[in-house]
Amino acid sequence: MPGMKLELYTSAFCGPCHAARAVVADARALVPALEVDEADVAARPDQAEARDIRSTPTIVVTRDDGEVVFRAAGVPSLDKLLGAMALAV
């Protein structure tokens, strides 16, 4: 799935962020071409602000042209995340 990108916004002391990372890792194992960019909101505040991130974890999936096709705060199920990734192709 070239061009599809998953952005995972996290913070250092976020318990649910660990669960979100695990779901993203499972998705990446199933779709090795998935490009993942994890951004700690404290380390990259400008990027988080540009995406209007209000809570962590937040996952944003975009097409290669940058269009957002999925956005969710919290920990999505693997099925929901894979469905969102299908929207990006």
PDB file of N, CA and C in Angstrom:
ATOM      1  N   MET A   1       0.836  -1.186   0.000  1.00  0.00           N
ATOM      2  CA  MET A   1       0.000   0.000   0.000  1.00  0.00           C
ATOM      3  C   MET A   1       0.874   1.241   0.000  1.00  0.00           C
ATOM      4  N   PRO A   2       1.503   1.524  -1.102  1.00  0.00           N
ATOM      5  CA  PRO A   2       2.397   2.668  -1.153  1.00  0.00           C
ATOM      6  C   PRO A   2       1.652   3.972  -0.945  1.00  0.00           C
ATOM      7  N   GLY A   3       2.286   4.879  -0.215  1.00  0.00           N
ATOM      8  CA  GLY A   3       1.719   6.199  -0.036  1.00  0.00           C
ATOM      9  C   GLY A   3       0.796   6.344   1.150  1.00  0.00           C
ATOM     10  N   MET A   4       0.258   5.245   1.664  1.00  0.00           N
ATOM     11  CA  MET A   4      -0.612   5.340   2.826  1.00  0.00           C
ATOM     12  C   MET A   4       0.257   5.579   4.052  1.00  0.00           C
ATOM     13  N   LYS A   5      -0.218   6.430   4.955  1.00  0.00           N
ATOM     14  CA  LYS A   5       0.565   6.757   6.144  1.00  0.00           C
ATOM     15  C   LYS A   5      -0.332   6.718   7.369  1.00  0.00           C
ATOM     16  N   LEU A   6       0.209   6.183   8.440  1.00  0.00           N
ATOM     17  CA  LEU A   6      -0.488   6.165   9.718  1.00  0.00           C
ATOM     18  C   LEU A   6       0.316   7.018  10.683  1.00  0.00           C
ATOM     19  N   GLU A   7      -0.331   8.012  11.257  1.00  0.00           N
ATOM     20  CA  GLU A   7       0.301   8.861  12.261  1.00  0.00           C
ATOM     21  C   GLU A   7      -0.268   8.466  13.616  1.00  0.00           C
ATOM     22  N   LEU A   8       0.605   8.154  14.561  1.00  0.00           N
ATOM     23  CA  LEU A   8       0.198   7.788  15.906  1.00  0.00           C
ATOM     24  C   LEU A   8       0.719   8.855  16.855  1.00  0.00           C
ATOM     25  N   TYR A   9      -0.198   9.588  17.476  1.00  0.00           N
ATOM     26  CA  TYR A   9       0.166  10.644  18.417  1.00  0.00           C
ATOM     27  C   TYR A   9       0.080  10.096  19.832  1.00  0.00           C
ATOM     28  N   THR A  10       1.196  10.204  20.565  1.00  0.00           N
ATOM     29  CA  THR A  10       1.297   9.624  21.896  1.00  0.00           C
ATOM     30  C   THR A  10       1.876  10.644  22.868  1.00  0.00           C
ATOM     31  N   SER A  11       1.887  10.251  24.134  1.00  0.00           N
ATOM     32  CA  SER A  11       2.572  11.032  25.159  1.00  0.00           C
ATOM     33  C   SER A  11       3.242  10.065  26.132  1.00  0.00           C
ATOM     34  N   ALA A  12       4.221  10.564  26.846  1.00  0.00           N
ATOM     35  CA  ALA A  12       5.098   9.714  27.650  1.00  0.00           C
ATOM     36  C   ALA A  12       4.371   8.909  28.725  1.00  0.00           C
ATOM     37  N   PHE A  13       3.425   9.502  29.407  1.00  0.00           N
ATOM     38  CA  PHE A  13       2.800   8.830  30.545  1.00  0.00           C
ATOM     39  C   PHE A  13       1.378   8.384  30.233  1.00  0.00           C
ATOM     40  N   CYS A  14       1.161   7.958  29.008  1.00  0.00           N
ATOM     41  CA  CYS A  14      -0.169   7.579  28.528  1.00  0.00           C
ATOM     42  C   CYS A  14      -0.286   6.060  28.504  1.00  0.00           C
ATOM     43  N   GLY A  15      -1.053   5.496  29.427  1.00  0.00           N
ATOM     44  CA  GLY A  15      -1.251   4.049  29.460  1.00  0.00           C
ATOM     45  C   GLY A  15      -1.877   3.496  28.190  1.00  0.00           C
ATOM     46  N   PRO A  16      -2.972   4.101  27.707  1.00  0.00           N
ATOM     47  CA  PRO A  16      -3.587   3.599  26.478  1.00  0.00           C
ATOM     48  C   PRO A  16      -2.672   3.679  25.248  1.00  0.00           C
ATOM     49  N   CYS A  17      -1.665   4.537  25.291  1.00  0.00           N
ATOM     50  CA  CYS A  17      -0.741   4.646  24.160  1.00  0.00           C
ATOM     51  C   CYS A  17      -0.002   3.331  23.934  1.00  0.00           C
ATOM     52  N   HIS A  18       0.300   2.615  25.013  1.00  0.00           N
ATOM     53  CA  HIS A  18       0.970   1.322  24.875  1.00  0.00           C
ATOM     54  C   HIS A  18       0.074   0.345  24.126  1.00  0.00           C
ATOM     55  N   ALA A  19      -1.210   0.341  24.437  1.00  0.00           N
ATOM     56  CA  ALA A  19      -2.156  -0.535  23.744  1.00  0.00           C
ATOM     57  C   ALA A  19      -2.294  -0.129  22.281  1.00  0.00           C
ATOM     58  N   ALA A  20      -2.323   1.173  22.016  1.00  0.00           N
ATOM     59  CA  ALA A  20      -2.425   1.649  20.631  1.00  0.00           C
ATOM     60  C   ALA A  20      -1.193   1.235  19.834  1.00  0.00           C
ATOM     61  N   ARG A  21      -0.018   1.324  20.441  1.00  0.00           N
ATOM     62  CA  ARG A  21       1.207   0.884  19.760  1.00  0.00           C
ATOM     63  C   ARG A  21       1.119  -0.591  19.392  1.00  0.00           C
ATOM     64  N   ALA A  22       0.548  -1.397  20.281  1.00  0.00           N
ATOM     65  CA  ALA A  22       0.421  -2.838  20.014  1.00  0.00           C
ATOM     66  C   ALA A  22      -0.508  -3.090  18.835  1.00  0.00           C
ATOM     67  N   VAL A  23      -1.620  -2.360  18.760  1.00  0.00           N
ATOM     68  CA  VAL A  23      -2.555  -2.522  17.632  1.00  0.00           C
ATOM     69  C   VAL A  23      -1.874  -2.090  16.335  1.00  0.00           C
ATOM     70  N   VAL A  24      -1.136  -0.985  16.381  1.00  0.00           N
ATOM     71  CA  VAL A  24      -0.427  -0.509  15.196  1.00  0.00           C
ATOM     72  C   VAL A  24       0.643  -1.530  14.785  1.00  0.00           C
ATOM     73  N   ALA A  25       1.332  -2.108  15.739  1.00  0.00           N
ATOM     74  CA  ALA A  25       2.341  -3.132  15.425  1.00  0.00           C
ATOM     75  C   ALA A  25       1.693  -4.346  14.771  1.00  0.00           C
ATOM     76  N   ASP A  26       0.515  -4.749  15.252  1.00  0.00           N
ATOM     77  CA  ASP A  26      -0.202  -5.868  14.627  1.00  0.00           C
ATOM     78  C   ASP A  26      -0.593  -5.521  13.191  1.00  0.00           C
ATOM     79  N   ALA A  27      -1.054  -4.295  12.973  1.00  0.00           N
ATOM     80  CA  ALA A  27      -1.427  -3.870  11.618  1.00  0.00           C
ATOM     81  C   ALA A  27      -0.202  -3.856  10.710  1.00  0.00           C
ATOM     82  N   ARG A  28       0.904  -3.376  11.246  1.00  0.00           N
ATOM     83  CA  ARG A  28       2.139  -3.319  10.461  1.00  0.00           C
ATOM     84  C   ARG A  28       2.624  -4.724  10.115  1.00  0.00           C
ATOM     85  N   ALA A  29       2.426  -5.679  11.013  1.00  0.00           N
ATOM     86  CA  ALA A  29       2.826  -7.066  10.742  1.00  0.00           C
ATOM     87  C   ALA A  29       2.003  -7.643   9.600  1.00  0.00           C
ATOM     88  N   LEU A  30       0.741  -7.235   9.510  1.00  0.00           N
ATOM     89  CA  LEU A  30      -0.140  -7.722   8.444  1.00  0.00           C
ATOM     90  C   LEU A  30       0.060  -6.960   7.137  1.00  0.00           C
ATOM     91  N   VAL A  31       0.470  -5.703   7.240  1.00  0.00           N
ATOM     92  CA  VAL A  31       0.658  -4.836   6.068  1.00  0.00           C
ATOM     93  C   VAL A  31       2.053  -4.210   6.176  1.00  0.00           C
ATOM     94  N   PRO A  32       3.095  -4.958   5.789  1.00  0.00           N
ATOM     95  CA  PRO A  32       4.467  -4.475   5.965  1.00  0.00           C
ATOM     96  C   PRO A  32       4.771  -3.147   5.276  1.00  0.00           C
ATOM     97  N   ALA A  33       4.032  -2.802   4.239  1.00  0.00           N
ATOM     98  CA  ALA A  33       4.285  -1.549   3.529  1.00  0.00           C
ATOM     99  C   ALA A  33       3.722  -0.326   4.264  1.00  0.00           C
ATOM    100  N   LEU A  34       3.011  -0.564   5.351  1.00  0.00           N
ATOM    101  CA  LEU A  34       2.418   0.541   6.099  1.00  0.00           C
ATOM    102  C   LEU A  34       3.515   1.453   6.645  1.00  0.00           C
ATOM    103  N   GLU A  35       3.410   2.728   6.324  1.00  0.00           N
ATOM    104  CA  GLU A  35       4.341   3.723   6.849  1.00  0.00           C
ATOM    105  C   GLU A  35       3.745   4.283   8.142  1.00  0.00           C
ATOM    106  N   VAL A  36       4.480   4.156   9.237  1.00  0.00           N
ATOM    107  CA  VAL A  36       4.005   4.619  10.540  1.00  0.00           C
ATOM    108  C   VAL A  36       4.920   5.721  11.038  1.00  0.00           C
ATOM    109  N   ASP A  37       4.303   6.799  11.501  1.00  0.00           N
ATOM    110  CA  ASP A  37       5.045   7.891  12.121  1.00  0.00           C
ATOM    111  C   ASP A  37       4.457   8.110  13.505  1.00  0.00           C
ATOM    112  N   GLU A  38       5.218   7.722  14.533  1.00  0.00           N
ATOM    113  CA  GLU A  38       4.769   7.976  15.907  1.00  0.00           C
ATOM    114  C   GLU A  38       5.329   9.311  16.355  1.00  0.00           C
ATOM    115  N   ALA A  39       4.457  10.167  16.847  1.00  0.00           N
ATOM    116  CA  ALA A  39       4.868  11.497  17.273  1.00  0.00           C
ATOM    117  C   ALA A  39       4.458  11.718  18.719  1.00  0.00           C
ATOM    118  N   ASP A  40       5.442  11.925  19.582  1.00  0.00           N
ATOM    119  CA  ASP A  40       5.158  12.312  20.953  1.00  0.00           C
ATOM    120  C   ASP A  40       4.735  13.780  20.914  1.00  0.00           C
ATOM    121  N   VAL A  41       3.563  14.080  21.453  1.00  0.00           N
ATOM    122  CA  VAL A  41       3.029  15.438  21.346  1.00  0.00           C
ATOM    123  C   VAL A  41       3.902  16.466  22.057  1.00  0.00           C
ATOM    124  N   ALA A  42       4.651  16.046  23.087  1.00  0.00           N
ATOM    125  CA  ALA A  42       5.543  16.979  23.775  1.00  0.00           C
ATOM    126  C   ALA A  42       6.792  17.260  22.945  1.00  0.00           C
ATOM    127  N   ALA A  43       7.241  16.269  22.193  1.00  0.00           N
ATOM    128  CA  ALA A  43       8.439  16.418  21.373  1.00  0.00           C
ATOM    129  C   ALA A  43       8.155  17.111  20.045  1.00  0.00           C
ATOM    130  N   ARG A  44       6.927  16.948  19.550  1.00  0.00           N
ATOM    131  CA  ARG A  44       6.560  17.558  18.264  1.00  0.00           C
ATOM    132  C   ARG A  44       5.244  18.329  18.396  1.00  0.00           C
ATOM    133  N   PRO A  45       5.233  19.368  19.211  1.00  0.00           N
ATOM    134  CA  PRO A  45       3.984  20.100  19.445  1.00  0.00           C
ATOM    135  C   PRO A  45       3.415  20.763  18.191  1.00  0.00           C
ATOM    136  N   ASP A  46       4.270  21.230  17.300  1.00  0.00           N
ATOM    137  CA  ASP A  46       3.774  21.886  16.083  1.00  0.00           C
ATOM    138  C   ASP A  46       3.004  20.913  15.204  1.00  0.00           C
ATOM    139  N   GLN A  47       3.529  19.685  15.078  1.00  0.00           N
ATOM    140  CA  GLN A  47       2.843  18.667  14.272  1.00  0.00           C
ATOM    141  C   GLN A  47       1.512  18.298  14.922  1.00  0.00           C
ATOM    142  N   ALA A  48       1.502  18.134  16.237  1.00  0.00           N
ATOM    143  CA  ALA A  48       0.270  17.793  16.942  1.00  0.00           C
ATOM    144  C   ALA A  48      -0.754  18.919  16.819  1.00  0.00           C
ATOM    145  N   GLU A  49      -0.297  20.148  16.931  1.00  0.00           N
ATOM    146  CA  GLU A  49      -1.211  21.287  16.801  1.00  0.00           C
ATOM    147  C   GLU A  49      -1.775  21.383  15.391  1.00  0.00           C
ATOM    148  N   ALA A  50      -0.950  21.124  14.389  1.00  0.00           N
ATOM    149  CA  ALA A  50      -1.408  21.185  13.001  1.00  0.00           C
ATOM    150  C   ALA A  50      -2.512  20.158  12.738  1.00  0.00           C
ATOM    151  N   ARG A  51      -2.475  19.036  13.446  1.00  0.00           N
ATOM    152  CA  ARG A  51      -3.501  17.987  13.302  1.00  0.00           C
ATOM    153  C   ARG A  51      -4.624  18.137  14.324  1.00  0.00           C
ATOM    154  N   ASP A  52      -4.544  19.194  15.153  1.00  0.00           N
ATOM    155  CA  ASP A  52      -5.564  19.462  16.173  1.00  0.00           C
ATOM    156  C   ASP A  52      -5.723  18.269  17.124  1.00  0.00           C
ATOM    157  N   ILE A  53      -4.593  17.737  17.575  1.00  0.00           N
ATOM    158  CA  ILE A  53      -4.597  16.607  18.500  1.00  0.00           C
ATOM    159  C   ILE A  53      -4.953  17.121  19.891  1.00  0.00           C
ATOM    160  N   ARG A  54      -6.022  16.554  20.471  1.00  0.00           N
ATOM    161  CA  ARG A  54      -6.502  16.983  21.783  1.00  0.00           C
ATOM    162  C   ARG A  54      -6.288  15.939  22.874  1.00  0.00           C
ATOM    163  N   SER A  55      -6.052  14.689  22.470  1.00  0.00           N
ATOM    164  CA  SER A  55      -5.833  13.628  23.452  1.00  0.00           C
ATOM    165  C   SER A  55      -4.936  12.564  22.835  1.00  0.00           C
ATOM    166  N   THR A  56      -4.332  11.787  23.714  1.00  0.00           N
ATOM    167  CA  THR A  56      -3.490  10.690  23.238  1.00  0.00           C
ATOM    168  C   THR A  56      -3.998   9.394  23.831  1.00  0.00           C
ATOM    169  N   PRO A  57      -3.911   8.325  23.076  1.00  0.00           N
ATOM    170  CA  PRO A  57      -3.410   8.256  21.708  1.00  0.00           C
ATOM    171  C   PRO A  57      -4.459   8.733  20.703  1.00  0.00           C
ATOM    172  N   THR A  58      -3.993   9.254  19.606  1.00  0.00           N
ATOM    173  CA  THR A  58      -4.846   9.570  18.459  1.00  0.00           C
ATOM    174  C   THR A  58      -4.154   8.995  17.228  1.00  0.00           C
ATOM    175  N   ILE A  59      -4.937   8.340  16.395  1.00  0.00           N
ATOM    176  CA  ILE A  59      -4.434   7.756  15.157  1.00  0.00           C
ATOM    177  C   ILE A  59      -5.063   8.497  13.985  1.00  0.00           C
ATOM    178  N   VAL A  60      -4.214   8.861  13.019  1.00  0.00           N
ATOM    179  CA  VAL A  60      -4.664   9.519  11.795  1.00  0.00           C
ATOM    180  C   VAL A  60      -4.113   8.708  10.624  1.00  0.00           C
ATOM    181  N   VAL A  61      -4.982   8.306   9.710  1.00  0.00           N
ATOM    182  CA  VAL A  61      -4.567   7.585   8.504  1.00  0.00           C
ATOM    183  C   VAL A  61      -4.826   8.500   7.318  1.00  0.00           C
ATOM    184  N   THR A  62      -3.806   8.672   6.476  1.00  0.00           N
ATOM    185  CA  THR A  62      -3.938   9.528   5.302  1.00  0.00           C
ATOM    186  C   THR A  62      -3.608   8.767   4.029  1.00  0.00           C
ATOM    187  N   ARG A  63      -4.172   9.263   2.937  1.00  0.00           N
ATOM    188  CA  ARG A  63      -3.795   8.768   1.609  1.00  0.00           C
ATOM    189  C   ARG A  63      -2.478   9.413   1.220  1.00  0.00           C
ATOM    190  N   ASP A  64      -1.936   8.974   0.088  1.00  0.00           N
ATOM    191  CA  ASP A  64      -0.653   9.520  -0.362  1.00  0.00           C
ATOM    192  C   ASP A  64      -0.726  11.000  -0.691  1.00  0.00           C
ATOM    193  N   ASP A  65      -1.938  11.501  -0.978  1.00  0.00           N
ATOM    194  CA  ASP A  65      -2.087  12.933  -1.263  1.00  0.00           C
ATOM    195  C   ASP A  65      -2.299  13.760   0.002  1.00  0.00           C
ATOM    196  N   GLY A  66      -2.267  13.102   1.173  1.00  0.00           N
ATOM    197  CA  GLY A  66      -2.421  13.809   2.434  1.00  0.00           C
ATOM    198  C   GLY A  66      -3.842  13.873   2.961  1.00  0.00           C
ATOM    199  N   GLU A  67      -4.804  13.400   2.170  1.00  0.00           N
ATOM    200  CA  GLU A  67      -6.197  13.440   2.612  1.00  0.00           C
ATOM    201  C   GLU A  67      -6.397  12.480   3.781  1.00  0.00           C
ATOM    202  N   VAL A  68      -6.988  12.997   4.859  1.00  0.00           N
ATOM    203  CA  VAL A  68      -7.276  12.172   6.031  1.00  0.00           C
ATOM    204  C   VAL A  68      -8.503  11.307   5.739  1.00  0.00           C
ATOM    205  N   VAL A  69      -8.336   9.996   5.897  1.00  0.00           N
ATOM    206  CA  VAL A  69      -9.455   9.077   5.668  1.00  0.00           C
ATOM    207  C   VAL A  69      -9.963   8.460   6.964  1.00  0.00           C
ATOM    208  N   PHE A  70      -9.177   8.608   8.040  1.00  0.00           N
ATOM    209  CA  PHE A  70      -9.574   8.046   9.327  1.00  0.00           C
ATOM    210  C   PHE A  70      -8.860   8.801  10.423  1.00  0.00           C
ATOM    211  N   ARG A  71      -9.613   9.043  11.482  1.00  0.00           N
ATOM    212  CA  ARG A  71      -9.042   9.703  12.651  1.00  0.00           C
ATOM    213  C   ARG A  71      -9.804   9.196  13.861  1.00  0.00           C
ATOM    214  N   ALA A  72      -9.069   8.769  14.877  1.00  0.00           N
ATOM    215  CA  ALA A  72      -9.728   8.277  16.078  1.00  0.00           C
ATOM    216  C   ALA A  72      -8.854   8.512  17.293  1.00  0.00           C
ATOM    217  N   ALA A  73      -9.468   9.022  18.343  1.00  0.00           N
ATOM    218  CA  ALA A  73      -8.798   9.123  19.624  1.00  0.00           C
ATOM    219  C   ALA A  73      -9.056   7.823  20.371  1.00  0.00           C
ATOM    220  N   GLY A  74      -8.097   7.415  21.170  1.00  0.00           N
ATOM    221  CA  GLY A  74      -8.250   6.173  21.917  1.00  0.00           C
ATOM    222  C   GLY A  74      -7.600   5.016  21.178  1.00  0.00           C
ATOM    223  N   VAL A  75      -7.895   3.819  21.642  1.00  0.00           N
ATOM    224  CA  VAL A  75      -7.285   2.613  21.088  1.00  0.00           C
ATOM    225  C   VAL A  75      -8.296   1.911  20.187  1.00  0.00           C
ATOM    226  N   PRO A  76      -8.060   1.909  18.869  1.00  0.00           N
ATOM    227  CA  PRO A  76      -8.997   1.222  17.971  1.00  0.00           C
ATOM    228  C   PRO A  76      -8.753  -0.286  18.000  1.00  0.00           C
ATOM    229  N   SER A  77      -9.760  -1.024  17.613  1.00  0.00           N
ATOM    230  CA  SER A  77      -9.550  -2.462  17.432  1.00  0.00           C
ATOM    231  C   SER A  77      -8.731  -2.662  16.163  1.00  0.00           C
ATOM    232  N   LEU A  78      -8.103  -3.807  16.058  1.00  0.00           N
ATOM    233  CA  LEU A  78      -7.332  -4.109  14.856  1.00  0.00           C
ATOM    234  C   LEU A  78      -8.248  -4.114  13.636  1.00  0.00           C
ATOM    235  N   ASP A  79      -9.440  -4.690  13.758  1.00  0.00           N
ATOM    236  CA  ASP A  79     -10.382  -4.716  12.637  1.00  0.00           C
ATOM    237  C   ASP A  79     -10.738  -3.309  12.169  1.00  0.00           C
ATOM    238  N   LYS A  80     -11.000  -2.417  13.126  1.00  0.00           N
ATOM    239  CA  LYS A  80     -11.353  -1.043  12.759  1.00  0.00           C
ATOM    240  C   LYS A  80     -10.185  -0.346  12.065  1.00  0.00           C
ATOM    241  N   LEU A  81      -8.970  -0.578  12.578  1.00  0.00           N
ATOM    242  CA  LEU A  81      -7.797   0.043  11.975  1.00  0.00           C
ATOM    243  C   LEU A  81      -7.538  -0.486  10.575  1.00  0.00           C
ATOM    244  N   LEU A  82      -7.662  -1.789  10.382  1.00  0.00           N
ATOM    245  CA  LEU A  82      -7.475  -2.357   9.040  1.00  0.00           C
ATOM    246  C   LEU A  82      -8.539  -1.839   8.076  1.00  0.00           C
ATOM    247  N   GLY A  83      -9.760  -1.677   8.548  1.00  0.00           N
ATOM    248  CA  GLY A  83     -10.824  -1.112   7.704  1.00  0.00           C
ATOM    249  C   GLY A  83     -10.493   0.312   7.309  1.00  0.00           C
ATOM    250  N   ALA A  84      -9.951   1.091   8.229  1.00  0.00           N
ATOM    251  CA  ALA A  84      -9.569   2.470   7.940  1.00  0.00           C
ATOM    252  C   ALA A  84      -8.438   2.505   6.920  1.00  0.00           C
ATOM    253  N   MET A  85      -7.504   1.570   7.062  1.00  0.00           N
ATOM    254  CA  MET A  85      -6.388   1.521   6.110  1.00  0.00           C
ATOM    255  C   MET A  85      -6.899   1.177   4.725  1.00  0.00           C
ATOM    256  N   ALA A  86      -7.924   0.346   4.631  1.00  0.00           N
ATOM    257  CA  ALA A  86      -8.490  -0.006   3.327  1.00  0.00           C
ATOM    258  C   ALA A  86      -9.074   1.236   2.638  1.00  0.00           C
ATOM    259  N   LEU A  87      -9.563   2.198   3.418  1.00  0.00           N
ATOM    260  CA  LEU A  87     -10.107   3.431   2.855  1.00  0.00           C
ATOM    261  C   LEU A  87      -9.035   4.281   2.195  1.00  0.00           C
ATOM    262  N   ALA A  88      -7.798   4.067   2.601  1.00  0.00           N
ATOM    263  CA  ALA A  88      -6.710   4.907   2.113  1.00  0.00           C
ATOM    264  C   ALA A  88      -6.142   4.437   0.775  1.00  0.00           C
ATOM    265  N   VAL A  89      -6.549   3.259   0.328  1.00  0.00           N
ATOM    266  CA  VAL A  89      -6.005   2.761  -0.937  1.00  0.00           C
ATOM    267  C   VAL A  89      -6.975   2.925  -2.071  1.00  0.00           C
TER     268      VAL A  89
END
